[in-house]
């Protein structure tokens, strides 16, 4: 049983809605999960399932027309949704940080790498009255770059002078510079080749272990998820439908959507026809209560779907109408 002191993050009934002229889009609809200190949790699902929207909400970076409609997000015993804007600004990087999707878009193109690394330090830790000496700045920047396997010379470079992998390492250095308790990595290896992906994830894993931080990894690459994560959560139509140890979920998925997601993966062990997931994802506009996956396979269940324990630390949304689909 996980105690409060062991939790890196505790999310309760989080809802993120977008108000549109046509109605309310339920981008994240009642997501709850707990993340132990030092644990690696991956969130997977098709595009549009709510993964990145969830990441932005956890960081309190949701912007209009989006709004956090309900929920609690505890980090280090503090509900970050209750903090005012200034308190939340100080909370970022110190307590939780984000490695954004597409490092090339997150780095300032007209600032040298050293200044982008020091920005976080001055904004979140060092007061302007205690400004560091040039020697101290050089030492800190070199240490942060060394931690992500980059040479000290990178400090004087601009983002356009870096490769995709180097930019991603700089983004990781910024995210871990204040030694946060929770790191949210939103598809940190997108647009990188396989070898660079592996190196970047090894660097991130080494830093996470050194900090004893928790990680939420958001992605589509199921192979990467299987290798890197301890637990995996499967999202569909803005809802978490299955969560459990990664080996258990991959070997014995219980929710029909998870089964189809895993069946759609290619394999080297035997030849098989490509199996897609039938139908189209449920529209999130005014999504009704009940099982969203039933709508995809032309069934209907508007009853409240209970969470059921399927095994050790393994839970699913248990809809009787579609439970056997895809077996």
C-alpha atoms as a PDB file:
ATOM      1  CA  UNK A   1       0.000   0.000   0.000  1.00  0.00           C
ATOM      2  CA  UNK A   2       1.423   3.388  -1.026  1.00  0.00           C
ATOM      3  CA  UNK A   3       1.583   5.944   1.778  1.00  0.00           C
ATOM      4  CA  UNK A   4       1.317   9.709   1.318  1.00  0.00           C
ATOM      5  CA  UNK A   5       5.010  10.173   2.067  1.00  0.00           C
ATOM      6  CA  UNK A   6       5.923   7.785  -0.742  1.00  0.00           C
ATOM      7  CA  UNK A   7       3.890   9.647  -3.345  1.00  0.00           C
ATOM      8  CA  UNK A   8       5.603  11.829  -5.911  1.00  0.00           C
ATOM      9  CA  UNK A   9       2.259  12.936  -7.357  1.00  0.00           C
ATOM     10  CA  UNK A  10      -1.365  12.206  -6.546  1.00  0.00           C
ATOM     11  CA  UNK A  11      -3.983  13.207  -9.149  1.00  0.00           C
ATOM     12  CA  UNK A  12      -7.667  13.094  -8.250  1.00  0.00           C
ATOM     13  CA  UNK A  13     -10.601  13.444 -10.665  1.00  0.00           C
ATOM     14  CA  UNK A  14      -8.839  15.901 -12.979  1.00  0.00           C
ATOM     15  CA  UNK A  15     -11.034  17.417 -15.691  1.00  0.00           C
ATOM     16  CA  UNK A  16      -9.943  19.776 -18.473  1.00  0.00           C
ATOM     17  CA  UNK A  17     -12.693  21.198 -20.674  1.00  0.00           C
ATOM     18  CA  UNK A  18     -12.634  23.452 -23.742  1.00  0.00           C
ATOM     19  CA  UNK A  19     -15.587  25.777 -24.247  1.00  0.00           C
ATOM     20  CA  UNK A  20     -16.440  26.063 -27.949  1.00  0.00           C
ATOM     21  CA  UNK A  21     -19.389  27.574 -29.845  1.00  0.00           C
ATOM     22  CA  UNK A  22     -20.624  24.028 -30.491  1.00  0.00           C
ATOM     23  CA  UNK A  23     -20.421  22.851 -26.891  1.00  0.00           C
ATOM     24  CA  UNK A  24     -17.971  21.596 -24.277  1.00  0.00           C
ATOM     25  CA  UNK A  25     -15.022  19.440 -25.367  1.00  0.00           C
ATOM     26  CA  UNK A  26     -14.066  17.090 -22.515  1.00  0.00           C
ATOM     27  CA  UNK A  27     -10.365  16.765 -23.337  1.00  0.00           C
ATOM     28  CA  UNK A  28      -9.528  15.207 -19.944  1.00  0.00           C
ATOM     29  CA  UNK A  29     -12.492  13.728 -18.129  1.00  0.00           C
ATOM     30  CA  UNK A  30     -12.028  12.561 -14.551  1.00  0.00           C
ATOM     31  CA  UNK A  31      -8.450  11.203 -14.585  1.00  0.00           C
ATOM     32  CA  UNK A  32      -7.045   9.886 -11.279  1.00  0.00           C
ATOM     33  CA  UNK A  33      -3.730   8.160 -10.554  1.00  0.00           C
ATOM     34  CA  UNK A  34      -0.924   8.038  -7.993  1.00  0.00           C
ATOM     35  CA  UNK A  35       2.775   8.148  -8.794  1.00  0.00           C
ATOM     36  CA  UNK A  36       5.301   6.835  -6.281  1.00  0.00           C
ATOM     37  CA  UNK A  37       8.517   8.709  -5.636  1.00  0.00           C
ATOM     38  CA  UNK A  38      11.122   7.451  -8.096  1.00  0.00           C
ATOM     39  CA  UNK A  39       8.534   5.664 -10.262  1.00  0.00           C
ATOM     40  CA  UNK A  40       8.287   5.867 -14.052  1.00  0.00           C
ATOM     41  CA  UNK A  41       4.744   6.035 -15.404  1.00  0.00           C
ATOM     42  CA  UNK A  42       4.024   6.096 -19.143  1.00  0.00           C
ATOM     43  CA  UNK A  43       0.768   7.406 -20.598  1.00  0.00           C
ATOM     44  CA  UNK A  44      -0.146   6.023 -24.021  1.00  0.00           C
ATOM     45  CA  UNK A  45      -3.054   6.259 -26.426  1.00  0.00           C
ATOM     46  CA  UNK A  46      -3.960   7.520 -29.864  1.00  0.00           C
ATOM     47  CA  UNK A  47      -3.499  11.158 -30.850  1.00  0.00           C
ATOM     48  CA  UNK A  48      -6.317  13.182 -29.342  1.00  0.00           C
ATOM     49  CA  UNK A  49      -6.764  10.921 -26.318  1.00  0.00           C
ATOM     50  CA  UNK A  50      -5.831  13.733 -23.916  1.00  0.00           C
ATOM     51  CA  UNK A  51      -2.233  12.880 -22.992  1.00  0.00           C
ATOM     52  CA  UNK A  52      -0.589  16.226 -23.771  1.00  0.00           C
ATOM     53  CA  UNK A  53      -3.609  18.155 -22.454  1.00  0.00           C
ATOM     54  CA  UNK A  54      -3.197  16.251 -19.191  1.00  0.00           C
ATOM     55  CA  UNK A  55       0.520  17.131 -19.077  1.00  0.00           C
ATOM     56  CA  UNK A  56      -0.197  20.842 -19.521  1.00  0.00           C
ATOM     57  CA  UNK A  57      -2.889  20.713 -16.821  1.00  0.00           C
ATOM     58  CA  UNK A  58      -0.504  19.054 -14.350  1.00  0.00           C
ATOM     59  CA  UNK A  59       1.879  21.979 -14.946  1.00  0.00           C
ATOM     60  CA  UNK A  60      -0.968  24.531 -14.639  1.00  0.00           C
ATOM     61  CA  UNK A  61      -0.270  25.679 -18.205  1.00  0.00           C
ATOM     62  CA  UNK A  62      -3.780  25.237 -19.626  1.00  0.00           C
ATOM     63  CA  UNK A  63      -4.792  28.299 -21.629  1.00  0.00           C
ATOM     64  CA  UNK A  64      -8.217  29.616 -22.777  1.00  0.00           C
ATOM     65  CA  UNK A  65     -10.512  28.404 -24.194  1.00  0.00           C
ATOM     66  CA  UNK A  66      -9.327  25.482 -22.076  1.00  0.00           C
ATOM     67  CA  UNK A  67      -9.971  25.390 -18.340  1.00  0.00           C
ATOM     68  CA  UNK A  68      -9.311  23.033 -15.451  1.00  0.00           C
ATOM     69  CA  UNK A  69     -12.901  22.267 -14.486  1.00  0.00           C
ATOM     70  CA  UNK A  70     -12.237  20.004 -11.503  1.00  0.00           C
ATOM     71  CA  UNK A  71      -9.644  17.994  -9.639  1.00  0.00           C
ATOM     72  CA  UNK A  72      -6.656  18.022  -7.336  1.00  0.00           C
ATOM     73  CA  UNK A  73      -2.955  17.570  -8.168  1.00  0.00           C
ATOM     74  CA  UNK A  74      -0.792  16.948  -5.114  1.00  0.00           C
ATOM     75  CA  UNK A  75       2.997  17.299  -5.436  1.00  0.00           C
ATOM     76  CA  UNK A  76       4.980  17.058  -2.220  1.00  0.00           C
ATOM     77  CA  UNK A  77       1.763  17.349  -0.210  1.00  0.00           C
ATOM     78  CA  UNK A  78       0.693  20.588  -1.939  1.00  0.00           C
ATOM     79  CA  UNK A  79      -2.302  20.838  -4.269  1.00  0.00           C
ATOM     80  CA  UNK A  80      -0.804  22.862  -7.138  1.00  0.00           C
ATOM     81  CA  UNK A  81      -4.277  23.773  -8.397  1.00  0.00           C
ATOM     82  CA  UNK A  82      -4.790  25.802  -5.187  1.00  0.00           C
ATOM     83  CA  UNK A  83      -1.633  27.889  -5.609  1.00  0.00           C
ATOM     84  CA  UNK A  84      -1.795  31.453  -6.887  1.00  0.00           C
ATOM     85  CA  UNK A  85       0.104  32.317 -10.081  1.00  0.00           C
ATOM     86  CA  UNK A  86       3.282  33.485  -8.322  1.00  0.00           C
ATOM     87  CA  UNK A  87       3.390  30.457  -6.018  1.00  0.00           C
ATOM     88  CA  UNK A  88       2.902  28.178  -9.021  1.00  0.00           C
ATOM     89  CA  UNK A  89       5.662  29.930 -10.965  1.00  0.00           C
ATOM     90  CA  UNK A  90       8.080  29.195  -8.122  1.00  0.00           C
ATOM     91  CA  UNK A  91       6.765  25.632  -7.873  1.00  0.00           C
ATOM     92  CA  UNK A  92       7.712  24.904 -11.485  1.00  0.00           C
ATOM     93  CA  UNK A  93      11.252  23.574 -11.958  1.00  0.00           C
ATOM     94  CA  UNK A  94      11.689  23.321  -8.169  1.00  0.00           C
ATOM     95  CA  UNK A  95       8.922  20.766  -7.556  1.00  0.00           C
ATOM     96  CA  UNK A  96       7.750  19.661 -11.001  1.00  0.00           C
ATOM     97  CA  UNK A  97       9.062  20.346 -14.467  1.00  0.00           C
ATOM     98  CA  UNK A  98       8.153  19.748 -18.094  1.00  0.00           C
ATOM     99  CA  UNK A  99      10.261  18.489 -20.978  1.00  0.00           C
ATOM    100  CA  UNK A 100       8.038  19.830 -23.771  1.00  0.00           C
ATOM    101  CA  UNK A 101       7.213  18.100 -27.016  1.00  0.00           C
ATOM    102  CA  UNK A 102       9.638  19.317 -29.700  1.00  0.00           C
ATOM    103  CA  UNK A 103      12.691  20.854 -28.027  1.00  0.00           C
ATOM    104  CA  UNK A 104      13.390  22.991 -31.098  1.00  0.00           C
ATOM    105  CA  UNK A 105      10.164  24.871 -30.391  1.00  0.00           C
ATOM    106  CA  UNK A 106      10.758  25.248 -26.641  1.00  0.00           C
ATOM    107  CA  UNK A 107      14.208  26.856 -26.830  1.00  0.00           C
ATOM    108  CA  UNK A 108      14.558  30.591 -27.496  1.00  0.00           C
ATOM    109  CA  UNK A 109      16.228  30.874 -30.934  1.00  0.00           C
ATOM    110  CA  UNK A 110      17.962  34.185 -30.135  1.00  0.00           C
ATOM    111  CA  UNK A 111      19.415  33.230 -26.750  1.00  0.00           C
ATOM    112  CA  UNK A 112      22.602  31.304 -26.146  1.00  0.00           C
ATOM    113  CA  UNK A 113      22.261  27.981 -24.364  1.00  0.00           C
ATOM    114  CA  UNK A 114      24.009  29.295 -21.230  1.00  0.00           C
ATOM    115  CA  UNK A 115      21.467  32.083 -20.803  1.00  0.00           C
ATOM    116  CA  UNK A 116      18.558  29.679 -21.159  1.00  0.00           C
ATOM    117  CA  UNK A 117      20.037  27.429 -18.485  1.00  0.00           C
ATOM    118  CA  UNK A 118      20.648  30.362 -16.134  1.00  0.00           C
ATOM    119  CA  UNK A 119      17.172  31.810 -16.713  1.00  0.00           C
ATOM    120  CA  UNK A 120      15.592  29.069 -14.632  1.00  0.00           C
ATOM    121  CA  UNK A 121      18.135  29.535 -11.885  1.00  0.00           C
ATOM    122  CA  UNK A 122      17.472  33.256 -11.530  1.00  0.00           C
ATOM    123  CA  UNK A 123      13.702  32.937 -11.912  1.00  0.00           C
ATOM    124  CA  UNK A 124      13.223  30.079  -9.481  1.00  0.00           C
ATOM    125  CA  UNK A 125      16.143  29.919  -7.042  1.00  0.00           C
ATOM    126  CA  UNK A 126      18.610  32.822  -6.931  1.00  0.00           C
ATOM    127  CA  UNK A 127      17.333  36.320  -6.089  1.00  0.00           C
ATOM    128  CA  UNK A 128      18.549  39.225  -8.196  1.00  0.00           C
ATOM    129  CA  UNK A 129      20.241  40.713  -5.140  1.00  0.00           C
ATOM    130  CA  UNK A 130      22.345  37.535  -4.849  1.00  0.00           C
ATOM    131  CA  UNK A 131      23.496  37.523  -8.464  1.00  0.00           C
ATOM    132  CA  UNK A 132      26.150  34.911  -9.146  1.00  0.00           C
ATOM    133  CA  UNK A 133      29.652  35.804 -10.273  1.00  0.00           C
ATOM    134  CA  UNK A 134      30.677  35.027 -13.861  1.00  0.00           C
ATOM    135  CA  UNK A 135      32.883  32.208 -12.584  1.00  0.00           C
ATOM    136  CA  UNK A 136      29.968  30.673 -10.662  1.00  0.00           C
ATOM    137  CA  UNK A 137      27.700  30.942 -13.714  1.00  0.00           C
ATOM    138  CA  UNK A 138      30.283  29.215 -15.929  1.00  0.00           C
ATOM    139  CA  UNK A 139      30.736  26.446 -13.367  1.00  0.00           C
ATOM    140  CA  UNK A 140      26.987  25.838 -12.973  1.00  0.00           C
ATOM    141  CA  UNK A 141      26.326  25.827 -16.727  1.00  0.00           C
ATOM    142  CA  UNK A 142      29.234  23.447 -17.365  1.00  0.00           C
ATOM    143  CA  UNK A 143      27.923  21.116 -14.643  1.00  0.00           C
ATOM    144  CA  UNK A 144      24.399  21.082 -16.105  1.00  0.00           C
ATOM    145  CA  UNK A 145      25.735  20.393 -19.599  1.00  0.00           C
ATOM    146  CA  UNK A 146      28.032  17.649 -18.346  1.00  0.00           C
ATOM    147  CA  UNK A 147      25.073  15.950 -16.662  1.00  0.00           C
ATOM    148  CA  UNK A 148      23.418  15.524 -20.083  1.00  0.00           C
ATOM    149  CA  UNK A 149      26.663  14.561 -21.853  1.00  0.00           C
ATOM    150  CA  UNK A 150      27.238  17.879 -23.625  1.00  0.00           C
ATOM    151  CA  UNK A 151      30.574  19.686 -23.892  1.00  0.00           C
ATOM    152  CA  UNK A 152      31.113  23.045 -22.109  1.00  0.00           C
ATOM    153  CA  UNK A 153      31.448  24.754 -25.521  1.00  0.00           C
ATOM    154  CA  UNK A 154      27.727  24.185 -26.130  1.00  0.00           C
ATOM    155  CA  UNK A 155      27.058  26.981 -23.608  1.00  0.00           C
ATOM    156  CA  UNK A 156      28.096  29.608 -26.171  1.00  0.00           C
ATOM    157  CA  UNK A 157      25.985  28.161 -28.987  1.00  0.00           C
ATOM    158  CA  UNK A 158      22.527  29.104 -30.244  1.00  0.00           C
ATOM    159  CA  UNK A 159      19.773  26.478 -30.705  1.00  0.00           C
ATOM    160  CA  UNK A 160      20.059  26.534 -34.511  1.00  0.00           C
ATOM    161  CA  UNK A 161      23.663  25.368 -34.183  1.00  0.00           C
ATOM    162  CA  UNK A 162      22.620  22.196 -32.330  1.00  0.00           C
ATOM    163  CA  UNK A 163      21.411  18.861 -33.653  1.00  0.00           C
ATOM    164  CA  UNK A 164      17.972  17.554 -32.656  1.00  0.00           C
ATOM    165  CA  UNK A 165      19.481  15.282 -30.023  1.00  0.00           C
ATOM    166  CA  UNK A 166      21.581  18.096 -28.548  1.00  0.00           C
ATOM    167  CA  UNK A 167      18.519  20.371 -28.327  1.00  0.00           C
ATOM    168  CA  UNK A 168      16.644  17.636 -26.503  1.00  0.00           C
ATOM    169  CA  UNK A 169      19.525  17.253 -24.037  1.00  0.00           C
ATOM    170  CA  UNK A 170      19.490  21.002 -23.380  1.00  0.00           C
ATOM    171  CA  UNK A 171      15.734  20.794 -22.716  1.00  0.00           C
ATOM    172  CA  UNK A 172      16.395  17.951 -20.249  1.00  0.00           C
ATOM    173  CA  UNK A 173      19.149  19.991 -18.560  1.00  0.00           C
ATOM    174  CA  UNK A 174      16.745  22.919 -18.087  1.00  0.00           C
ATOM    175  CA  UNK A 175      13.979  20.644 -16.751  1.00  0.00           C
ATOM    176  CA  UNK A 176      16.273  18.968 -14.198  1.00  0.00           C
ATOM    177  CA  UNK A 177      18.339  22.027 -13.212  1.00  0.00           C
ATOM    178  CA  UNK A 178      16.355  22.694 -10.009  1.00  0.00           C
ATOM    179  CA  UNK A 179      16.194  18.993  -9.037  1.00  0.00           C
ATOM    180  CA  UNK A 180      12.389  18.648  -9.221  1.00  0.00           C
ATOM    181  CA  UNK A 181      10.414  15.874  -7.535  1.00  0.00           C
ATOM    182  CA  UNK A 182       8.356  15.135 -10.670  1.00  0.00           C
ATOM    183  CA  UNK A 183       9.429  15.343 -14.322  1.00  0.00           C
ATOM    184  CA  UNK A 184       6.811  15.298 -17.089  1.00  0.00           C
ATOM    185  CA  UNK A 185       8.312  14.272 -20.442  1.00  0.00           C
ATOM    186  CA  UNK A 186       5.932  14.912 -23.348  1.00  0.00           C
ATOM    187  CA  UNK A 187       7.181  12.739 -26.217  1.00  0.00           C
ATOM    188  CA  UNK A 188      10.818  13.631 -25.490  1.00  0.00           C
ATOM    189  CA  UNK A 189      12.184  11.598 -28.418  1.00  0.00           C
ATOM    190  CA  UNK A 190       9.788  12.650 -31.186  1.00  0.00           C
ATOM    191  CA  UNK A 191      11.561  13.482 -34.483  1.00  0.00           C
ATOM    192  CA  UNK A 192      14.801  11.794 -33.310  1.00  0.00           C
ATOM    193  CA  UNK A 193      16.369   8.752 -34.942  1.00  0.00           C
ATOM    194  CA  UNK A 194      16.425   5.442 -33.081  1.00  0.00           C
ATOM    195  CA  UNK A 195      20.037   5.641 -31.869  1.00  0.00           C
ATOM    196  CA  UNK A 196      19.635   9.203 -30.589  1.00  0.00           C
ATOM    197  CA  UNK A 197      16.319   8.235 -28.950  1.00  0.00           C
ATOM    198  CA  UNK A 198      18.050   5.501 -26.995  1.00  0.00           C
ATOM    199  CA  UNK A 199      20.883   7.802 -25.867  1.00  0.00           C
ATOM    200  CA  UNK A 200      18.507  10.575 -24.820  1.00  0.00           C
ATOM    201  CA  UNK A 201      16.332   8.195 -22.800  1.00  0.00           C
ATOM    202  CA  UNK A 202      19.388   6.686 -21.114  1.00  0.00           C
ATOM    203  CA  UNK A 203      20.484  10.193 -20.100  1.00  0.00           C
ATOM    204  CA  UNK A 204      17.006  11.038 -18.789  1.00  0.00           C
ATOM    205  CA  UNK A 205      16.829   7.760 -16.867  1.00  0.00           C
ATOM    206  CA  UNK A 206      20.234   8.300 -15.274  1.00  0.00           C
ATOM    207  CA  UNK A 207      19.319  11.829 -14.145  1.00  0.00           C
ATOM    208  CA  UNK A 208      15.948  10.682 -12.808  1.00  0.00           C
ATOM    209  CA  UNK A 209      17.577   7.938 -10.745  1.00  0.00           C
ATOM    210  CA  UNK A 210      20.160  10.378  -9.374  1.00  0.00           C
ATOM    211  CA  UNK A 211      17.425  12.802  -8.307  1.00  0.00           C
ATOM    212  CA  UNK A 212      15.093   9.992  -7.150  1.00  0.00           C
ATOM    213  CA  UNK A 213      12.428  11.900  -9.070  1.00  0.00           C
ATOM    214  CA  UNK A 214       9.210  10.520 -10.516  1.00  0.00           C
ATOM    215  CA  UNK A 215       8.663  10.622 -14.273  1.00  0.00           C
ATOM    216  CA  UNK A 216       5.514  10.788 -16.362  1.00  0.00           C
ATOM    217  CA  UNK A 217       6.439   9.767 -19.903  1.00  0.00           C
ATOM    218  CA  UNK A 218       3.917  10.621 -22.606  1.00  0.00           C
ATOM    219  CA  UNK A 219       4.324   8.938 -25.957  1.00  0.00           C
ATOM    220  CA  UNK A 220       3.200   6.741 -28.826  1.00  0.00           C
ATOM    221  CA  UNK A 221       6.266   4.490 -29.010  1.00  0.00           C
ATOM    222  CA  UNK A 222       5.139   1.327 -27.230  1.00  0.00           C
ATOM    223  CA  UNK A 223       8.616  -0.218 -27.496  1.00  0.00           C
ATOM    224  CA  UNK A 224      10.127   2.769 -25.702  1.00  0.00           C
ATOM    225  CA  UNK A 225       7.387   2.579 -23.062  1.00  0.00           C
ATOM    226  CA  UNK A 226       8.055  -1.132 -22.480  1.00  0.00           C
ATOM    227  CA  UNK A 227      11.802  -0.552 -22.005  1.00  0.00           C
ATOM    228  CA  UNK A 228      11.721   2.633 -19.931  1.00  0.00           C
ATOM    229  CA  UNK A 229       8.627   2.555 -17.719  1.00  0.00           C
ATOM    230  CA  UNK A 230       7.608   0.754 -14.526  1.00  0.00           C
ATOM    231  CA  UNK A 231       3.874   1.348 -14.995  1.00  0.00           C
ATOM    232  CA  UNK A 232       1.719   2.265 -17.966  1.00  0.00           C
ATOM    233  CA  UNK A 233      -1.615   4.065 -18.141  1.00  0.00           C
ATOM    234  CA  UNK A 234      -3.790   3.797 -21.252  1.00  0.00           C
ATOM    235  CA  UNK A 235      -5.912   6.804 -22.195  1.00  0.00           C
ATOM    236  CA  UNK A 236      -8.941   6.798 -24.468  1.00  0.00           C
ATOM    237  CA  UNK A 237     -11.251   9.749 -25.195  1.00  0.00           C
ATOM    238  CA  UNK A 238      -9.847  11.814 -22.340  1.00  0.00           C
ATOM    239  CA  UNK A 239     -10.201   9.026 -19.785  1.00  0.00           C
ATOM    240  CA  UNK A 240      -7.784   6.610 -18.176  1.00  0.00           C
ATOM    241  CA  UNK A 241      -9.123   3.131 -19.010  1.00  0.00           C
ATOM    242  CA  UNK A 242      -6.324   0.864 -17.719  1.00  0.00           C
ATOM    243  CA  UNK A 243      -3.265   1.271 -15.518  1.00  0.00           C
ATOM    244  CA  UNK A 244      -0.803  -1.238 -14.138  1.00  0.00           C
ATOM    245  CA  UNK A 245       2.755  -2.613 -14.183  1.00  0.00           C
ATOM    246  CA  UNK A 246       4.094  -2.351 -17.719  1.00  0.00           C
ATOM    247  CA  UNK A 247       4.957  -6.066 -18.025  1.00  0.00           C
ATOM    248  CA  UNK A 248       1.505  -7.093 -16.789  1.00  0.00           C
ATOM    249  CA  UNK A 249      -0.389  -4.739 -19.098  1.00  0.00           C
ATOM    250  CA  UNK A 250       1.650  -5.733 -22.164  1.00  0.00           C
ATOM    251  CA  UNK A 251       1.396  -9.460 -21.413  1.00  0.00           C
ATOM    252  CA  UNK A 252      -2.207  -9.583 -20.236  1.00  0.00           C
ATOM    253  CA  UNK A 253      -4.189  -6.447 -21.191  1.00  0.00           C
ATOM    254  CA  UNK A 254      -7.710  -6.427 -19.776  1.00  0.00           C
ATOM    255  CA  UNK A 255      -9.440  -3.453 -21.399  1.00  0.00           C
ATOM    256  CA  UNK A 256     -10.520  -4.051 -25.031  1.00  0.00           C
ATOM    257  CA  UNK A 257      -8.891  -0.817 -26.237  1.00  0.00           C
ATOM    258  CA  UNK A 258      -5.562  -1.801 -24.641  1.00  0.00           C
ATOM    259  CA  UNK A 259      -5.800  -5.248 -26.269  1.00  0.00           C
ATOM    260  CA  UNK A 260      -6.330  -3.710 -29.710  1.00  0.00           C
ATOM    261  CA  UNK A 261      -3.567  -1.150 -29.141  1.00  0.00           C
ATOM    262  CA  UNK A 262      -1.071  -3.923 -28.352  1.00  0.00           C
ATOM    263  CA  UNK A 263      -2.326  -6.181 -31.166  1.00  0.00           C
ATOM    264  CA  UNK A 264      -1.670  -3.375 -33.636  1.00  0.00           C
ATOM    265  CA  UNK A 265       2.061  -3.437 -32.849  1.00  0.00           C
ATOM    266  CA  UNK A 266       4.411  -5.118 -35.364  1.00  0.00           C
ATOM    267  CA  UNK A 267       6.409  -8.133 -34.196  1.00  0.00           C
ATOM    268  CA  UNK A 268       9.685  -9.745 -35.264  1.00  0.00           C
ATOM    269  CA  UNK A 269       8.829 -13.218 -33.976  1.00  0.00           C
ATOM    270  CA  UNK A 270       6.115 -14.105 -36.477  1.00  0.00           C
ATOM    271  CA  UNK A 271       4.488 -12.774 -39.596  1.00  0.00           C
ATOM    272  CA  UNK A 272       1.006 -11.386 -39.197  1.00  0.00           C
ATOM    273  CA  UNK A 273      -1.348  -9.076 -40.988  1.00  0.00           C
ATOM    274  CA  UNK A 274      -1.439  -5.521 -39.735  1.00  0.00           C
ATOM    275  CA  UNK A 275      -4.378  -5.155 -37.367  1.00  0.00           C
ATOM    276  CA  UNK A 276      -5.769  -1.660 -37.005  1.00  0.00           C
ATOM    277  CA  UNK A 277      -8.206  -0.467 -34.366  1.00  0.00           C
ATOM    278  CA  UNK A 278     -11.662  -0.449 -35.970  1.00  0.00           C
ATOM    279  CA  UNK A 279     -13.921   2.577 -36.070  1.00  0.00           C
ATOM    280  CA  UNK A 280     -13.067   6.166 -35.204  1.00  0.00           C
ATOM    281  CA  UNK A 281     -12.221   7.646 -31.797  1.00  0.00           C
ATOM    282  CA  UNK A 282     -15.226   8.990 -29.933  1.00  0.00           C
ATOM    283  CA  UNK A 283     -15.831  12.701 -30.339  1.00  0.00           C
ATOM    284  CA  UNK A 284     -14.993  14.609 -27.168  1.00  0.00           C
ATOM    285  CA  UNK A 285     -17.684  17.212 -27.838  1.00  0.00           C
ATOM    286  CA  UNK A 286     -20.366  16.799 -25.180  1.00  0.00           C
ATOM    287  CA  UNK A 287     -19.143  13.259 -24.536  1.00  0.00           C
ATOM    288  CA  UNK A 288     -21.848  11.388 -22.593  1.00  0.00           C
ATOM    289  CA  UNK A 289     -21.294   9.524 -19.348  1.00  0.00           C
ATOM    290  CA  UNK A 290     -20.545   5.827 -19.609  1.00  0.00           C
ATOM    291  CA  UNK A 291     -18.168   3.845 -21.809  1.00  0.00           C
ATOM    292  CA  UNK A 292     -16.610   5.919 -24.605  1.00  0.00           C
ATOM    293  CA  UNK A 293     -15.148   2.814 -26.257  1.00  0.00           C
ATOM    294  CA  UNK A 294     -18.636   1.334 -26.693  1.00  0.00           C
ATOM    295  CA  UNK A 295     -19.455   4.280 -28.969  1.00  0.00           C
ATOM    296  CA  UNK A 296     -16.527   3.323 -31.208  1.00  0.00           C
ATOM    297  CA  UNK A 297     -17.733  -0.233 -31.749  1.00  0.00           C
ATOM    298  CA  UNK A 298     -21.383   0.807 -32.128  1.00  0.00           C
ATOM    299  CA  UNK A 299     -22.523  -0.353 -28.728  1.00  0.00           C
ATOM    300  CA  UNK A 300     -23.910   1.715 -25.902  1.00  0.00           C
ATOM    301  CA  UNK A 301     -23.422   1.875 -22.167  1.00  0.00           C
ATOM    302  CA  UNK A 302     -24.373   5.116 -20.443  1.00  0.00           C
ATOM    303  CA  UNK A 303     -23.963   3.665 -16.958  1.00  0.00           C
ATOM    304  CA  UNK A 304     -21.165   4.826 -14.675  1.00  0.00           C
ATOM    305  CA  UNK A 305     -18.187   2.539 -15.393  1.00  0.00           C
ATOM    306  CA  UNK A 306     -16.521   1.273 -12.199  1.00  0.00           C
ATOM    307  CA  UNK A 307     -12.803   0.883 -11.616  1.00  0.00           C
ATOM    308  CA  UNK A 308     -12.033  -2.781 -10.925  1.00  0.00           C
ATOM    309  CA  UNK A 309      -8.835  -4.380  -9.633  1.00  0.00           C
ATOM    310  CA  UNK A 310      -7.602  -6.789 -12.308  1.00  0.00           C
ATOM    311  CA  UNK A 311      -4.422  -7.883 -10.519  1.00  0.00           C
ATOM    312  CA  UNK A 312      -1.565  -6.653  -8.349  1.00  0.00           C
ATOM    313  CA  UNK A 313      -1.482  -2.857  -8.796  1.00  0.00           C
ATOM    314  CA  UNK A 314      -3.525  -3.350 -12.002  1.00  0.00           C
ATOM    315  CA  UNK A 315      -6.865  -1.564 -12.552  1.00  0.00           C
ATOM    316  CA  UNK A 316      -9.298  -1.153 -15.439  1.00  0.00           C
ATOM    317  CA  UNK A 317     -12.542   0.592 -16.263  1.00  0.00           C
ATOM    318  CA  UNK A 318     -14.789  -2.458 -16.364  1.00  0.00           C
ATOM    319  CA  UNK A 319     -17.569  -2.148 -18.969  1.00  0.00           C
ATOM    320  CA  UNK A 320     -19.486  -5.415 -19.321  1.00  0.00           C
ATOM    321  CA  UNK A 321     -20.816  -4.444 -22.772  1.00  0.00           C
ATOM    322  CA  UNK A 322     -17.406  -4.414 -24.471  1.00  0.00           C
ATOM    323  CA  UNK A 323     -15.221  -6.427 -22.059  1.00  0.00           C
ATOM    324  CA  UNK A 324     -14.728  -9.343 -24.477  1.00  0.00           C
ATOM    325  CA  UNK A 325     -14.202  -7.261 -27.612  1.00  0.00           C
ATOM    326  CA  UNK A 326     -10.883  -7.968 -29.353  1.00  0.00           C
ATOM    327  CA  UNK A 327     -10.139 -11.237 -27.538  1.00  0.00           C
END
